[in-house]
Amino acid sequence: MAIEDQKTNAVERFATERFELSPKWVRVRFGGRFIADSHRAHLRFEPRRLPLYYFPIEDIASDVLVPSDDDSHFHVVVDGSRAENGAWSTDRYPGFVAFRWAAMDAWFEEDEEVFVHVKDPYHRVDILRSTRHVRFVLAGETIADSHRPAILFETGLPPRYYIPVTDARMELLEASDTVTECPYKGQANHLSARIGGKLHEDIAWTYKLPTPESAKIQGLVAFYQERMDDTYIDEELQPPLVTPWSKRSTS
């Protein structure tokens, strides 16, 4: 799901700050070249924040960091490319420099590009096929009814039930402009429901081409339980689910 939503859920388990050596080969590309290349990158974990990579200064190209007016920050400059205050250091971890993720062109762990933000090594995604009976009700209509969901369990987040499209009322759904990204699952396209002349915006989503590790959810549709009127699991009405995604709009 969205980055900000994951910040408030998946990482708050760290009550104290941690600084750990990563076993991964990590590289950063900017301005058409690799400006950081390290087998000694460290991950900094802070409460309620996504982890960040910190690189030993020796593993960063010597000509790309330009001091800024802020003593702790650097501009990142490569030929005609410039990221204002795109890197910083801290007295807490002398000899290490971090880069602003979104300001860089690309990040790599080993030889695979990583998107959106750092993959937290303590964050887990399990997708299990199931024969649970799942039913979602919205505006008086059962919009999905399935005995063959794929259930996605993700650290710090509620289980999500991914339904085959043949078990969903796809004639009630229409594509939304909303697109979100997740480094663990890929890019999600959202769906709205039009029922009784009203549009219920962004009540479901689907991954057309998920990451290889999340291939089991490809082409399935998941519904925001917190935006449904009623959700039944094995014919038992579920209590209301309150999350950062609870708000829904209609028009």
Protein backbone atom coordinates (compact mmCIF):
# COMPACT_ATOMS: atom_id res chain seq x y z
CA MET A 1 0.00 0.00 0.00
CA ALA A 2 0.96 3.68 0.17
CA ILE A 3 4.27 4.66 1.77
CA GLU A 4 2.80 6.92 4.46
CA ASP A 5 0.32 4.25 5.51
CA GLN A 6 3.11 1.71 5.91
CA LYS A 7 5.11 4.18 8.00
CA THR A 8 2.38 4.31 10.64
CA ASN A 9 1.88 0.54 10.78
CA ALA A 10 4.69 -1.73 9.78
CA VAL A 11 7.61 -0.03 11.48
CA GLU A 12 6.28 1.12 14.86
CA ARG A 13 7.33 -2.18 16.47
CA PHE A 14 10.85 -0.74 16.94
CA ALA A 15 10.65 1.01 20.30
CA THR A 16 14.31 2.03 20.25
CA GLU A 17 16.71 3.05 17.52
CA ARG A 18 18.90 0.36 15.94
CA PHE A 19 21.84 0.51 13.53
CA GLU A 20 22.64 -2.80 11.85
CA LEU A 21 25.04 -4.01 9.19
CA SER A 22 23.13 -5.19 6.11
CA PRO A 23 24.29 -8.44 4.47
CA LYS A 24 23.24 -7.06 1.06
CA TRP A 25 25.36 -5.41 -1.62
CA VAL A 26 23.72 -1.99 -1.96
CA ARG A 27 24.19 0.58 -4.73
CA VAL A 28 22.76 4.01 -5.52
CA ARG A 29 22.58 5.47 -9.02
CA PHE A 30 22.32 9.19 -9.76
CA GLY A 31 23.08 11.26 -12.83
CA GLY A 32 23.80 8.17 -14.91
CA ARG A 33 26.42 6.63 -12.58
CA PHE A 34 26.68 4.65 -9.38
CA ILE A 35 27.61 7.12 -6.66
CA ALA A 36 27.48 4.65 -3.75
CA ASP A 37 28.56 1.04 -3.93
CA SER A 38 28.90 -0.88 -0.69
CA HIS A 39 29.05 -4.30 0.93
CA ARG A 40 29.07 -2.53 4.30
CA ALA A 41 25.89 -0.46 4.22
CA HIS A 42 24.01 -0.20 7.51
CA LEU A 43 20.27 0.06 8.15
CA ARG A 44 19.08 2.63 10.65
CA PHE A 45 15.78 1.76 12.33
CA GLU A 46 13.86 4.44 14.24
CA PRO A 47 10.43 4.24 15.90
CA ARG A 48 7.58 5.02 13.47
CA ARG A 49 9.93 5.57 10.53
CA LEU A 50 10.94 3.52 7.55
CA PRO A 51 14.49 2.14 7.76
CA LEU A 52 17.24 3.98 5.89
CA TYR A 53 20.53 2.88 4.40
CA TYR A 54 23.70 4.58 5.64
CA PHE A 55 26.90 4.16 3.63
CA PRO A 56 30.52 4.33 4.84
CA ILE A 57 31.97 7.51 3.36
CA GLU A 58 34.71 5.41 1.75
CA ASP A 59 32.07 3.64 -0.36
CA ILE A 60 30.71 6.89 -1.83
CA ALA A 61 32.23 8.56 -4.90
CA SER A 62 34.53 11.32 -3.65
CA ASP A 63 33.37 13.97 -6.11
CA VAL A 64 29.59 13.93 -5.69
CA LEU A 65 28.97 15.41 -2.21
CA VAL A 66 28.95 19.21 -1.96
CA PRO A 67 28.48 20.77 1.50
CA SER A 68 25.24 22.75 1.89
CA ASP A 69 24.38 25.65 4.21
CA ASP A 70 23.12 23.05 6.66
CA ASP A 71 26.22 21.59 8.27
CA SER A 72 24.76 18.09 8.36
CA HIS A 73 23.58 17.99 4.74
CA PHE A 74 25.14 17.74 1.30
CA HIS A 75 24.00 18.51 -2.21
CA VAL A 76 24.51 15.55 -4.54
CA VAL A 77 25.99 16.75 -7.82
CA VAL A 78 26.86 14.68 -10.89
CA ASP A 79 27.50 16.57 -14.13
CA GLY A 80 24.20 18.34 -14.85
CA SER A 81 22.20 16.53 -12.18
CA ARG A 82 21.80 18.04 -8.72
CA ALA A 83 19.82 16.89 -5.66
CA GLU A 84 19.53 19.74 -3.17
CA ASN A 85 20.27 18.49 0.34
CA GLY A 86 20.04 14.99 -1.10
CA ALA A 87 22.38 13.45 1.48
CA TRP A 88 23.21 13.92 5.14
CA SER A 89 25.36 12.69 7.98
CA THR A 90 24.85 12.57 11.72
CA ASP A 91 27.17 12.77 14.71
CA ARG A 92 25.40 9.69 16.02
CA TYR A 93 27.00 7.57 13.28
CA PRO A 94 30.24 9.30 12.26
CA GLY A 95 31.75 8.22 8.97
CA PHE A 96 28.38 7.29 7.43
CA VAL A 97 26.19 9.16 4.94
CA ALA A 98 22.53 8.58 4.00
CA PHE A 99 20.78 9.58 0.77
CA ARG A 100 17.24 10.84 0.31
CA TRP A 101 15.57 7.88 -1.38
CA ALA A 102 13.25 9.75 -3.75
CA ALA A 103 15.98 12.15 -4.87
CA MET A 104 18.12 9.37 -6.31
CA ASP A 105 17.57 7.82 -9.75
CA ALA A 106 17.65 4.16 -8.67
CA TRP A 107 18.54 1.86 -5.79
CA PHE A 108 19.83 -1.70 -6.06
CA GLU A 109 20.09 -4.57 -3.58
CA GLU A 110 22.44 -7.07 -5.18
CA ASP A 111 21.46 -6.87 -8.89
CA GLU A 112 17.77 -6.15 -8.38
CA GLU A 113 16.31 -2.66 -8.39
CA VAL A 114 14.28 -1.72 -5.31
CA PHE A 115 11.35 0.65 -5.66
CA VAL A 116 9.44 3.05 -3.37
CA HIS A 117 11.54 2.61 -0.21
CA VAL A 118 13.99 0.29 1.54
CA LYS A 119 12.80 -3.27 1.99
CA ASP A 120 12.68 -3.84 5.73
CA PRO A 121 14.33 -7.22 6.49
CA TYR A 122 11.96 -7.61 9.46
CA HIS A 123 8.87 -7.03 7.30
CA ARG A 124 7.26 -10.20 6.01
CA VAL A 125 4.60 -10.92 3.41
CA ASP A 126 2.98 -14.39 3.32
CA ILE A 127 0.32 -15.28 0.76
CA LEU A 128 -1.65 -18.43 1.51
CA ARG A 129 -4.37 -20.00 -0.58
CA SER A 130 -7.45 -20.81 1.45
CA THR A 131 -10.95 -22.29 1.30
CA ARG A 132 -12.38 -19.80 3.79
CA HIS A 133 -15.75 -18.36 2.81
CA VAL A 134 -15.32 -14.60 2.31
CA ARG A 135 -18.17 -12.23 1.50
CA PHE A 136 -18.15 -8.44 1.16
CA VAL A 137 -21.33 -6.33 1.25
CA LEU A 138 -21.58 -2.69 0.15
CA ALA A 139 -24.72 -0.55 -0.23
CA GLY A 140 -26.93 -3.61 0.07
CA GLU A 141 -25.08 -5.57 -2.62
CA THR A 142 -22.84 -8.58 -2.15
CA ILE A 143 -19.94 -7.47 -4.32
CA ALA A 144 -17.70 -10.50 -3.71
CA ASP A 145 -18.43 -14.03 -2.49
CA SER A 146 -15.66 -16.60 -2.61
CA HIS A 147 -14.53 -19.92 -1.14
CA ARG A 148 -11.07 -19.64 -2.71
CA PRO A 149 -9.33 -16.46 -1.54
CA ALA A 150 -5.60 -15.95 -1.38
CA ILE A 151 -4.98 -14.40 2.03
CA LEU A 152 -2.10 -11.95 2.30
CA PHE A 153 -0.57 -11.63 5.76
CA GLU A 154 1.77 -8.64 6.05
CA THR A 155 3.69 -7.57 9.14
CA GLY A 156 1.78 -4.97 11.15
CA LEU A 157 -1.20 -4.87 8.80
CA PRO A 158 -4.61 -6.61 8.76
CA PRO A 159 -4.99 -9.73 6.58
CA ARG A 160 -6.17 -8.97 3.07
CA TYR A 161 -8.40 -11.32 1.10
CA TYR A 162 -7.65 -11.49 -2.62
CA ILE A 163 -10.58 -12.83 -4.61
CA PRO A 164 -10.72 -14.35 -8.13
CA VAL A 165 -12.49 -11.91 -10.43
CA THR A 166 -15.04 -14.60 -11.27
CA ASP A 167 -16.14 -14.46 -7.63
CA ALA A 168 -16.58 -10.68 -7.66
CA ARG A 169 -19.31 -8.50 -9.12
CA MET A 170 -17.01 -6.95 -11.68
CA GLU A 171 -19.98 -5.37 -13.49
CA LEU A 172 -20.30 -3.05 -10.46
CA LEU A 173 -16.64 -2.07 -10.49
CA GLU A 174 -14.82 0.46 -12.60
CA ALA A 175 -11.23 1.59 -12.86
CA SER A 176 -10.06 4.45 -10.65
CA ASP A 177 -7.22 6.87 -11.33
CA THR A 178 -5.65 5.90 -8.01
CA VAL A 179 -2.36 3.99 -8.28
CA THR A 180 -0.24 3.04 -5.26
CA GLU A 181 3.14 1.34 -5.03
CA CYS A 182 4.67 -1.12 -2.60
CA PRO A 183 8.24 -2.47 -2.70
CA TYR A 184 6.99 -5.89 -1.56
CA LYS A 185 4.04 -6.28 -3.94
CA GLY A 186 4.43 -3.82 -6.80
CA GLN A 187 1.99 -1.34 -8.34
CA ALA A 188 -1.70 -1.51 -7.44
CA ASN A 189 -4.52 -0.17 -9.58
CA HIS A 190 -7.65 0.79 -7.64
CA LEU A 191 -11.29 0.17 -8.40
CA SER A 192 -14.46 2.03 -7.45
CA ALA A 193 -17.99 0.61 -7.23
CA ARG A 194 -21.07 2.19 -8.80
CA ILE A 195 -24.18 1.00 -6.97
CA GLY A 196 -27.63 2.54 -7.24
CA GLY A 197 -26.31 5.59 -9.04
CA LYS A 198 -23.66 6.31 -6.40
CA LEU A 199 -19.92 5.97 -6.93
CA HIS A 200 -18.06 4.45 -3.97
CA GLU A 201 -14.50 5.49 -4.66
CA ASP A 202 -11.44 3.28 -4.27
CA ILE A 203 -13.02 0.35 -2.45
CA ALA A 204 -10.81 -2.33 -4.03
CA TRP A 205 -7.49 -2.84 -5.77
CA THR A 206 -5.64 -5.29 -7.98
CA TYR A 207 -2.05 -6.04 -8.92
CA LYS A 208 -1.82 -6.64 -12.65
CA LEU A 209 1.90 -7.41 -12.51
CA PRO A 210 3.06 -7.91 -8.91
CA THR A 211 6.64 -8.52 -7.84
CA PRO A 212 7.79 -12.14 -8.33
CA GLU A 213 7.59 -12.87 -4.59
CA SER A 214 3.92 -11.81 -4.59
CA ALA A 215 2.93 -13.58 -7.81
CA LYS A 216 0.07 -15.44 -6.10
CA ILE A 217 -2.08 -12.27 -6.05
CA GLN A 218 -1.68 -11.44 -9.74
CA GLY A 219 -5.03 -10.60 -11.32
CA LEU A 220 -6.99 -11.10 -8.10
CA VAL A 221 -9.04 -8.31 -6.54
CA ALA A 222 -8.87 -7.25 -2.89
CA PHE A 223 -11.48 -5.16 -1.08
CA TYR A 224 -10.95 -2.67 1.72
CA GLN A 225 -12.72 -4.41 4.57
CA GLU A 226 -12.80 -1.09 6.42
CA ARG A 227 -14.76 0.50 3.54
CA MET A 228 -17.39 -2.23 3.36
CA ASP A 229 -20.75 -2.09 5.13
CA ASP A 230 -20.38 -5.73 6.19
CA THR A 231 -17.70 -8.38 5.88
CA TYR A 232 -18.33 -12.07 6.56
CA ILE A 233 -15.55 -14.62 7.09
CA ASP A 234 -16.79 -18.21 7.28
CA GLU A 235 -20.32 -16.77 7.58
CA GLU A 236 -19.40 -14.81 10.71
CA LEU A 237 -19.93 -11.04 10.63
CA GLN A 238 -16.63 -9.31 11.30
CA PRO A 239 -16.29 -6.37 13.71
CA PRO A 240 -15.62 -2.98 12.11
CA LEU A 241 -12.02 -2.61 11.00
CA VAL A 242 -10.41 0.77 11.67
CA THR A 243 -7.20 1.60 9.79
CA PRO A 244 -5.63 4.64 8.10
CA TRP A 245 -7.62 3.57 5.00
CA SER A 246 -11.03 3.58 6.69
CA LYS A 247 -12.31 6.77 5.07
CA ARG A 248 -14.30 6.28 1.91
CA SER A 249 -16.01 8.79 -0.33
CA THR A 250 -19.14 8.56 -2.48
CA SER A 251 -20.48 10.73 -5.24
